[in-house]
Amino acid sequence: MRVTDELSDEHISAGLPGTADLMVLVGNSWWHCAYAARGGNWPLAAFYARRVRSLQRRLGVIRPKYKERLATYESTMLGPLFAALETQDRAAFDRAFAAATDDANTQHVETGYGYIRWQLPDEAPKDLDLGPGR
């Protein structure tokens, strides 16, 4: 048996996060984004929205079968959310957030994961100050 320092594609693939791993991070970031906006911490809300976008882009690389779907979601759903964050428009943010959440749940149904229905927790995360940014 020959020992080598090179990793096979199989070894690399095994070390990558799975879809569920990334989606847990997306859900947590989405939760933080909503409550940061509600608290008036627009920079933090934008940070978490960018994190969601970044995680979804990574998912598109790791799971190419979702790449086109995720790109469409980014432009049609996250685009209006980013616009609301830029203008710090709470009403527009709430509409964009609700539409994006509903669309994500529709995406779950369309991809065979209808049993996954994300909803915003009733309580804000406790790990960060979500009030107005400094």
N, C-alpha and C. Protein backbone atom coordinates (compact mmCIF):
# COMPACT_ATOMS: atom_id res chain seq x y z
N MET A 1 0.84 -1.18 0.00
CA MET A 1 0.00 0.00 0.00
C MET A 1 0.88 1.24 0.00
N ARG A 2 0.60 2.13 -0.91
CA ARG A 2 1.38 3.35 -1.04
C ARG A 2 0.72 4.47 -0.22
N VAL A 3 1.51 5.14 0.59
CA VAL A 3 1.03 6.26 1.38
C VAL A 3 1.29 7.55 0.60
N THR A 4 0.30 8.41 0.55
CA THR A 4 0.44 9.67 -0.17
C THR A 4 -0.20 10.80 0.63
N ASP A 5 0.31 11.99 0.43
CA ASP A 5 -0.26 13.16 1.10
C ASP A 5 -1.41 13.76 0.30
N GLU A 6 -1.63 13.26 -0.89
CA GLU A 6 -2.68 13.82 -1.73
C GLU A 6 -4.04 13.28 -1.32
N LEU A 7 -5.01 14.17 -1.34
CA LEU A 7 -6.38 13.79 -1.02
C LEU A 7 -7.14 13.47 -2.30
N SER A 8 -7.92 12.44 -2.23
CA SER A 8 -8.77 12.10 -3.37
C SER A 8 -10.01 12.99 -3.35
N ASP A 9 -10.72 13.02 -4.46
CA ASP A 9 -11.98 13.77 -4.50
C ASP A 9 -12.95 13.25 -3.44
N GLU A 10 -12.93 11.96 -3.22
CA GLU A 10 -13.80 11.36 -2.21
C GLU A 10 -13.47 11.87 -0.81
N HIS A 11 -12.18 11.97 -0.51
CA HIS A 11 -11.76 12.48 0.80
C HIS A 11 -12.15 13.96 0.97
N ILE A 12 -11.95 14.73 -0.07
CA ILE A 12 -12.31 16.15 -0.02
C ILE A 12 -13.81 16.30 0.17
N SER A 13 -14.58 15.55 -0.58
CA SER A 13 -16.03 15.60 -0.49
C SER A 13 -16.52 15.24 0.91
N ALA A 14 -15.90 14.25 1.51
CA ALA A 14 -16.29 13.82 2.86
C ALA A 14 -16.03 14.90 3.90
N GLY A 15 -15.08 15.79 3.63
CA GLY A 15 -14.75 16.84 4.58
C GLY A 15 -15.59 18.10 4.44
N LEU A 16 -16.40 18.17 3.39
CA LEU A 16 -17.23 19.35 3.16
C LEU A 16 -18.51 19.28 3.99
N PRO A 17 -19.04 20.44 4.37
CA PRO A 17 -20.31 20.42 5.11
C PRO A 17 -21.43 19.95 4.20
N GLY A 18 -22.41 19.32 4.79
CA GLY A 18 -23.58 18.89 4.04
C GLY A 18 -24.58 20.03 3.91
N THR A 19 -25.58 19.81 3.08
CA THR A 19 -26.62 20.82 2.90
C THR A 19 -27.27 21.18 4.23
N ALA A 20 -27.60 20.19 5.03
CA ALA A 20 -28.25 20.46 6.32
C ALA A 20 -27.36 21.28 7.24
N ASP A 21 -26.06 21.00 7.21
CA ASP A 21 -25.12 21.77 8.05
C ASP A 21 -25.16 23.25 7.69
N LEU A 22 -25.13 23.54 6.40
CA LEU A 22 -25.15 24.93 5.96
C LEU A 22 -26.51 25.58 6.22
N MET A 23 -27.58 24.83 6.05
CA MET A 23 -28.90 25.41 6.24
C MET A 23 -29.18 25.74 7.71
N VAL A 24 -28.59 25.01 8.63
CA VAL A 24 -28.70 25.38 10.05
C VAL A 24 -28.06 26.76 10.26
N LEU A 25 -26.92 26.99 9.64
CA LEU A 25 -26.25 28.29 9.74
C LEU A 25 -27.07 29.38 9.06
N VAL A 26 -27.68 29.05 7.93
CA VAL A 26 -28.54 30.01 7.25
C VAL A 26 -29.72 30.40 8.15
N GLY A 27 -30.38 29.41 8.73
CA GLY A 27 -31.52 29.69 9.60
C GLY A 27 -31.15 30.55 10.79
N ASN A 28 -30.03 30.27 11.40
CA ASN A 28 -29.57 31.05 12.55
C ASN A 28 -29.26 32.49 12.13
N SER A 29 -28.62 32.65 10.99
CA SER A 29 -28.30 33.99 10.50
C SER A 29 -29.57 34.75 10.10
N TRP A 30 -30.53 34.06 9.53
CA TRP A 30 -31.80 34.67 9.13
C TRP A 30 -32.55 35.18 10.36
N TRP A 31 -32.54 34.39 11.42
CA TRP A 31 -33.16 34.76 12.70
C TRP A 31 -32.51 36.03 13.25
N HIS A 32 -31.18 36.05 13.29
CA HIS A 32 -30.45 37.21 13.78
C HIS A 32 -30.71 38.44 12.91
N CYS A 33 -30.76 38.25 11.61
CA CYS A 33 -31.01 39.35 10.68
C CYS A 33 -32.35 40.02 11.00
N ALA A 34 -33.39 39.23 11.18
CA ALA A 34 -34.72 39.78 11.44
C ALA A 34 -34.75 40.60 12.71
N TYR A 35 -34.23 40.05 13.78
CA TYR A 35 -34.30 40.75 15.06
C TYR A 35 -33.33 41.92 15.15
N ALA A 36 -32.24 41.87 14.44
CA ALA A 36 -31.35 43.04 14.39
C ALA A 36 -32.06 44.20 13.69
N ALA A 37 -32.76 43.90 12.59
CA ALA A 37 -33.51 44.95 11.90
C ALA A 37 -34.63 45.48 12.79
N ARG A 38 -35.33 44.59 13.46
CA ARG A 38 -36.41 45.02 14.36
C ARG A 38 -35.88 45.89 15.49
N GLY A 39 -34.65 45.61 15.91
CA GLY A 39 -34.04 46.38 16.99
C GLY A 39 -33.38 47.66 16.51
N GLY A 40 -33.37 47.89 15.21
CA GLY A 40 -32.75 49.09 14.66
C GLY A 40 -31.25 49.00 14.48
N ASN A 41 -30.69 47.80 14.60
CA ASN A 41 -29.26 47.62 14.37
C ASN A 41 -29.07 47.21 12.90
N TRP A 42 -29.20 48.20 12.03
CA TRP A 42 -29.15 47.95 10.59
C TRP A 42 -27.82 47.39 10.12
N PRO A 43 -26.68 47.85 10.65
CA PRO A 43 -25.41 47.25 10.23
C PRO A 43 -25.33 45.75 10.58
N LEU A 44 -25.84 45.38 11.74
CA LEU A 44 -25.81 43.97 12.13
C LEU A 44 -26.79 43.16 11.27
N ALA A 45 -27.95 43.72 10.99
CA ALA A 45 -28.91 43.03 10.12
C ALA A 45 -28.29 42.80 8.74
N ALA A 46 -27.60 43.82 8.22
CA ALA A 46 -26.95 43.67 6.91
C ALA A 46 -25.84 42.63 6.96
N PHE A 47 -25.11 42.60 8.06
CA PHE A 47 -24.06 41.59 8.24
C PHE A 47 -24.65 40.19 8.12
N TYR A 48 -25.76 39.95 8.82
CA TYR A 48 -26.36 38.62 8.79
C TYR A 48 -27.00 38.32 7.44
N ALA A 49 -27.53 39.31 6.76
CA ALA A 49 -28.07 39.08 5.41
C ALA A 49 -26.93 38.70 4.46
N ARG A 50 -25.80 39.37 4.58
CA ARG A 50 -24.64 39.01 3.74
C ARG A 50 -24.17 37.59 4.08
N ARG A 51 -24.24 37.23 5.34
CA ARG A 51 -23.84 35.88 5.76
C ARG A 51 -24.76 34.84 5.11
N VAL A 52 -26.05 35.11 5.12
CA VAL A 52 -27.00 34.20 4.46
C VAL A 52 -26.63 34.05 2.98
N ARG A 53 -26.39 35.17 2.32
CA ARG A 53 -26.03 35.14 0.89
C ARG A 53 -24.76 34.33 0.67
N SER A 54 -23.76 34.54 1.51
CA SER A 54 -22.49 33.83 1.39
C SER A 54 -22.66 32.33 1.60
N LEU A 55 -23.42 31.96 2.60
CA LEU A 55 -23.66 30.53 2.88
C LEU A 55 -24.41 29.88 1.72
N GLN A 56 -25.38 30.59 1.16
CA GLN A 56 -26.12 30.02 0.05
C GLN A 56 -25.26 29.92 -1.21
N ARG A 57 -24.38 30.87 -1.40
CA ARG A 57 -23.45 30.76 -2.53
C ARG A 57 -22.54 29.55 -2.35
N ARG A 58 -22.08 29.33 -1.14
CA ARG A 58 -21.24 28.16 -0.85
C ARG A 58 -22.02 26.88 -1.12
N LEU A 59 -23.29 26.87 -0.72
CA LEU A 59 -24.13 25.70 -0.98
C LEU A 59 -24.24 25.44 -2.48
N GLY A 60 -24.33 26.50 -3.27
CA GLY A 60 -24.40 26.33 -4.72
C GLY A 60 -23.16 25.70 -5.31
N VAL A 61 -22.02 25.91 -4.67
CA VAL A 61 -20.77 25.29 -5.12
C VAL A 61 -20.71 23.83 -4.68
N ILE A 62 -21.07 23.59 -3.43
CA ILE A 62 -20.98 22.24 -2.87
C ILE A 62 -22.06 21.33 -3.46
N ARG A 63 -23.24 21.89 -3.71
CA ARG A 63 -24.37 21.13 -4.27
C ARG A 63 -24.83 21.83 -5.55
N PRO A 64 -24.12 21.59 -6.65
CA PRO A 64 -24.41 22.31 -7.90
C PRO A 64 -25.86 22.17 -8.38
N LYS A 65 -26.54 21.11 -7.97
CA LYS A 65 -27.93 20.95 -8.43
C LYS A 65 -28.83 22.08 -7.91
N TYR A 66 -28.39 22.79 -6.88
CA TYR A 66 -29.18 23.90 -6.33
C TYR A 66 -28.69 25.27 -6.80
N LYS A 67 -27.61 25.31 -7.56
CA LYS A 67 -26.96 26.59 -7.90
C LYS A 67 -27.89 27.57 -8.59
N GLU A 68 -28.59 27.14 -9.62
CA GLU A 68 -29.47 28.04 -10.37
C GLU A 68 -30.63 28.51 -9.49
N ARG A 69 -31.20 27.61 -8.74
CA ARG A 69 -32.30 27.94 -7.84
C ARG A 69 -31.86 28.97 -6.80
N LEU A 70 -30.67 28.79 -6.25
CA LEU A 70 -30.15 29.71 -5.24
C LEU A 70 -29.83 31.08 -5.85
N ALA A 71 -29.32 31.09 -7.06
CA ALA A 71 -29.02 32.36 -7.74
C ALA A 71 -30.31 33.15 -7.99
N THR A 72 -31.36 32.45 -8.39
CA THR A 72 -32.65 33.11 -8.61
C THR A 72 -33.19 33.65 -7.30
N TYR A 73 -33.08 32.87 -6.24
CA TYR A 73 -33.53 33.31 -4.91
C TYR A 73 -32.77 34.56 -4.48
N GLU A 74 -31.46 34.56 -4.73
CA GLU A 74 -30.65 35.71 -4.34
C GLU A 74 -31.12 36.98 -5.04
N SER A 75 -31.37 36.90 -6.33
CA SER A 75 -31.75 38.11 -7.05
C SER A 75 -33.19 38.53 -6.76
N THR A 76 -34.10 37.58 -6.70
CA THR A 76 -35.51 37.94 -6.54
C THR A 76 -35.94 38.13 -5.09
N MET A 77 -35.32 37.44 -4.17
CA MET A 77 -35.74 37.51 -2.77
C MET A 77 -34.78 38.32 -1.90
N LEU A 78 -33.49 38.07 -2.05
CA LEU A 78 -32.53 38.79 -1.22
C LEU A 78 -32.29 40.21 -1.73
N GLY A 79 -32.45 40.41 -3.02
CA GLY A 79 -32.27 41.75 -3.59
C GLY A 79 -33.14 42.80 -2.90
N PRO A 80 -34.46 42.58 -2.81
CA PRO A 80 -35.31 43.54 -2.11
C PRO A 80 -34.97 43.67 -0.62
N LEU A 81 -34.53 42.60 -0.01
CA LEU A 81 -34.14 42.65 1.39
C LEU A 81 -32.93 43.57 1.56
N PHE A 82 -31.93 43.42 0.70
CA PHE A 82 -30.75 44.28 0.77
C PHE A 82 -31.11 45.74 0.50
N ALA A 83 -32.04 45.98 -0.41
CA ALA A 83 -32.47 47.35 -0.69
C ALA A 83 -33.11 47.97 0.55
N ALA A 84 -33.93 47.21 1.25
CA ALA A 84 -34.57 47.70 2.48
C ALA A 84 -33.54 47.95 3.57
N LEU A 85 -32.54 47.09 3.65
CA LEU A 85 -31.48 47.29 4.64
C LEU A 85 -30.69 48.56 4.33
N GLU A 86 -30.42 48.79 3.07
CA GLU A 86 -29.65 49.97 2.65
C GLU A 86 -30.37 51.26 3.04
N THR A 87 -31.68 51.28 2.87
CA THR A 87 -32.46 52.49 3.17
C THR A 87 -32.99 52.49 4.60
N GLN A 88 -32.73 51.42 5.32
CA GLN A 88 -33.19 51.27 6.70
C GLN A 88 -34.71 51.46 6.80
N ASP A 89 -35.40 50.83 5.88
CA ASP A 89 -36.85 50.92 5.78
C ASP A 89 -37.47 49.68 6.41
N ARG A 90 -37.95 49.83 7.62
CA ARG A 90 -38.45 48.69 8.38
C ARG A 90 -39.64 48.01 7.70
N ALA A 91 -40.59 48.80 7.19
CA ALA A 91 -41.76 48.20 6.54
C ALA A 91 -41.34 47.41 5.30
N ALA A 92 -40.45 47.97 4.49
CA ALA A 92 -39.96 47.26 3.30
C ALA A 92 -39.17 46.03 3.70
N PHE A 93 -38.39 46.14 4.78
CA PHE A 93 -37.63 44.98 5.27
C PHE A 93 -38.59 43.87 5.67
N ASP A 94 -39.61 44.21 6.46
CA ASP A 94 -40.56 43.19 6.92
C ASP A 94 -41.24 42.48 5.75
N ARG A 95 -41.62 43.25 4.73
CA ARG A 95 -42.24 42.65 3.55
C ARG A 95 -41.27 41.73 2.83
N ALA A 96 -40.05 42.21 2.62
CA ALA A 96 -39.04 41.41 1.91
C ALA A 96 -38.67 40.16 2.70
N PHE A 97 -38.54 40.31 4.01
CA PHE A 97 -38.20 39.17 4.86
C PHE A 97 -39.30 38.11 4.80
N ALA A 98 -40.55 38.54 4.93
CA ALA A 98 -41.68 37.60 4.88
C ALA A 98 -41.75 36.91 3.52
N ALA A 99 -41.59 37.67 2.44
CA ALA A 99 -41.64 37.08 1.10
C ALA A 99 -40.50 36.08 0.90
N ALA A 100 -39.31 36.43 1.35
CA ALA A 100 -38.15 35.54 1.20
C ALA A 100 -38.33 34.27 2.03
N THR A 101 -38.89 34.41 3.23
CA THR A 101 -39.12 33.24 4.07
C THR A 101 -40.17 32.33 3.44
N ASP A 102 -41.26 32.92 2.95
CA ASP A 102 -42.29 32.12 2.29
C ASP A 102 -41.73 31.41 1.07
N ASP A 103 -40.92 32.11 0.29
CA ASP A 103 -40.34 31.51 -0.90
C ASP A 103 -39.38 30.38 -0.53
N ALA A 104 -38.60 30.56 0.52
CA ALA A 104 -37.69 29.49 0.96
C ALA A 104 -38.48 28.24 1.33
N ASN A 105 -39.60 28.43 2.01
CA ASN A 105 -40.42 27.28 2.38
C ASN A 105 -41.04 26.62 1.14
N THR A 106 -41.39 27.42 0.15
CA THR A 106 -41.87 26.87 -1.12
C THR A 106 -40.76 26.08 -1.80
N GLN A 107 -39.54 26.61 -1.75
CA GLN A 107 -38.39 25.90 -2.33
C GLN A 107 -38.20 24.54 -1.66
N HIS A 108 -38.40 24.49 -0.36
CA HIS A 108 -38.28 23.21 0.35
C HIS A 108 -39.29 22.20 -0.20
N VAL A 109 -40.52 22.64 -0.41
CA VAL A 109 -41.55 21.75 -0.97
C VAL A 109 -41.13 21.28 -2.36
N GLU A 110 -40.70 22.23 -3.20
CA GLU A 110 -40.36 21.91 -4.59
C GLU A 110 -39.15 20.99 -4.71
N THR A 111 -38.29 20.98 -3.71
CA THR A 111 -37.09 20.12 -3.77
C THR A 111 -37.26 18.84 -2.95
N GLY A 112 -38.48 18.58 -2.50
CA GLY A 112 -38.74 17.33 -1.79
C GLY A 112 -38.52 17.40 -0.29
N TYR A 113 -38.39 18.60 0.25
CA TYR A 113 -38.17 18.75 1.69
C TYR A 113 -39.30 19.56 2.33
N GLY A 114 -40.52 19.28 1.91
CA GLY A 114 -41.68 20.02 2.41
C GLY A 114 -41.87 19.92 3.91
N TYR A 115 -41.27 18.93 4.52
CA TYR A 115 -41.37 18.78 5.98
C TYR A 115 -40.50 19.80 6.71
N ILE A 116 -39.65 20.53 5.97
CA ILE A 116 -38.85 21.60 6.57
C ILE A 116 -39.58 22.91 6.29
N ARG A 117 -40.14 23.49 7.33
CA ARG A 117 -40.85 24.77 7.20
C ARG A 117 -40.26 25.72 8.23
N TRP A 118 -39.46 26.68 7.74
CA TRP A 118 -38.79 27.61 8.64
C TRP A 118 -39.78 28.65 9.12
N GLN A 119 -39.68 28.98 10.41
CA GLN A 119 -40.47 30.09 10.95
C GLN A 119 -39.61 30.88 11.90
N LEU A 120 -39.87 32.17 11.96
CA LEU A 120 -39.12 33.05 12.83
C LEU A 120 -39.49 32.75 14.28
N PRO A 121 -38.50 32.46 15.12
CA PRO A 121 -38.80 32.23 16.54
C PRO A 121 -39.47 33.46 17.16
N ASP A 122 -40.31 33.22 18.16
CA ASP A 122 -41.02 34.31 18.83
C ASP A 122 -40.09 35.23 19.61
N GLU A 123 -38.95 34.71 20.02
CA GLU A 123 -38.03 35.50 20.82
C GLU A 123 -36.76 35.82 20.03
N ALA A 124 -36.22 36.98 20.35
CA ALA A 124 -34.96 37.39 19.73
C ALA A 124 -33.81 36.57 20.27
N PRO A 125 -32.76 36.40 19.48
CA PRO A 125 -31.56 35.74 20.00
C PRO A 125 -31.02 36.52 21.21
N LYS A 126 -30.45 35.81 22.14
CA LYS A 126 -29.95 36.43 23.36
C LYS A 126 -28.43 36.63 23.34
N ASP A 127 -27.77 36.17 22.29
CA ASP A 127 -26.30 36.17 22.29
C ASP A 127 -25.67 37.50 21.87
N LEU A 128 -26.45 38.42 21.30
CA LEU A 128 -25.91 39.69 20.83
C LEU A 128 -26.84 40.84 21.20
N ASP A 129 -26.27 42.03 21.32
CA ASP A 129 -27.07 43.24 21.48
C ASP A 129 -27.64 43.58 20.11
N LEU A 130 -28.93 43.48 19.97
CA LEU A 130 -29.58 43.70 18.68
C LEU A 130 -30.15 45.11 18.56
N GLY A 131 -29.87 45.95 19.55
CA GLY A 131 -30.35 47.32 19.51
C GLY A 131 -29.58 48.15 18.50
N PRO A 132 -29.95 49.43 18.40
CA PRO A 132 -29.31 50.30 17.40
C PRO A 132 -27.78 50.21 17.45
N GLY A 133 -27.18 50.18 16.26
CA GLY A 133 -25.72 50.08 16.16
C GLY A 133 -25.04 51.30 16.73
N ARG A 134 -23.81 51.12 17.08
CA ARG A 134 -23.04 52.22 17.67
C ARG A 134 -22.20 52.90 16.62
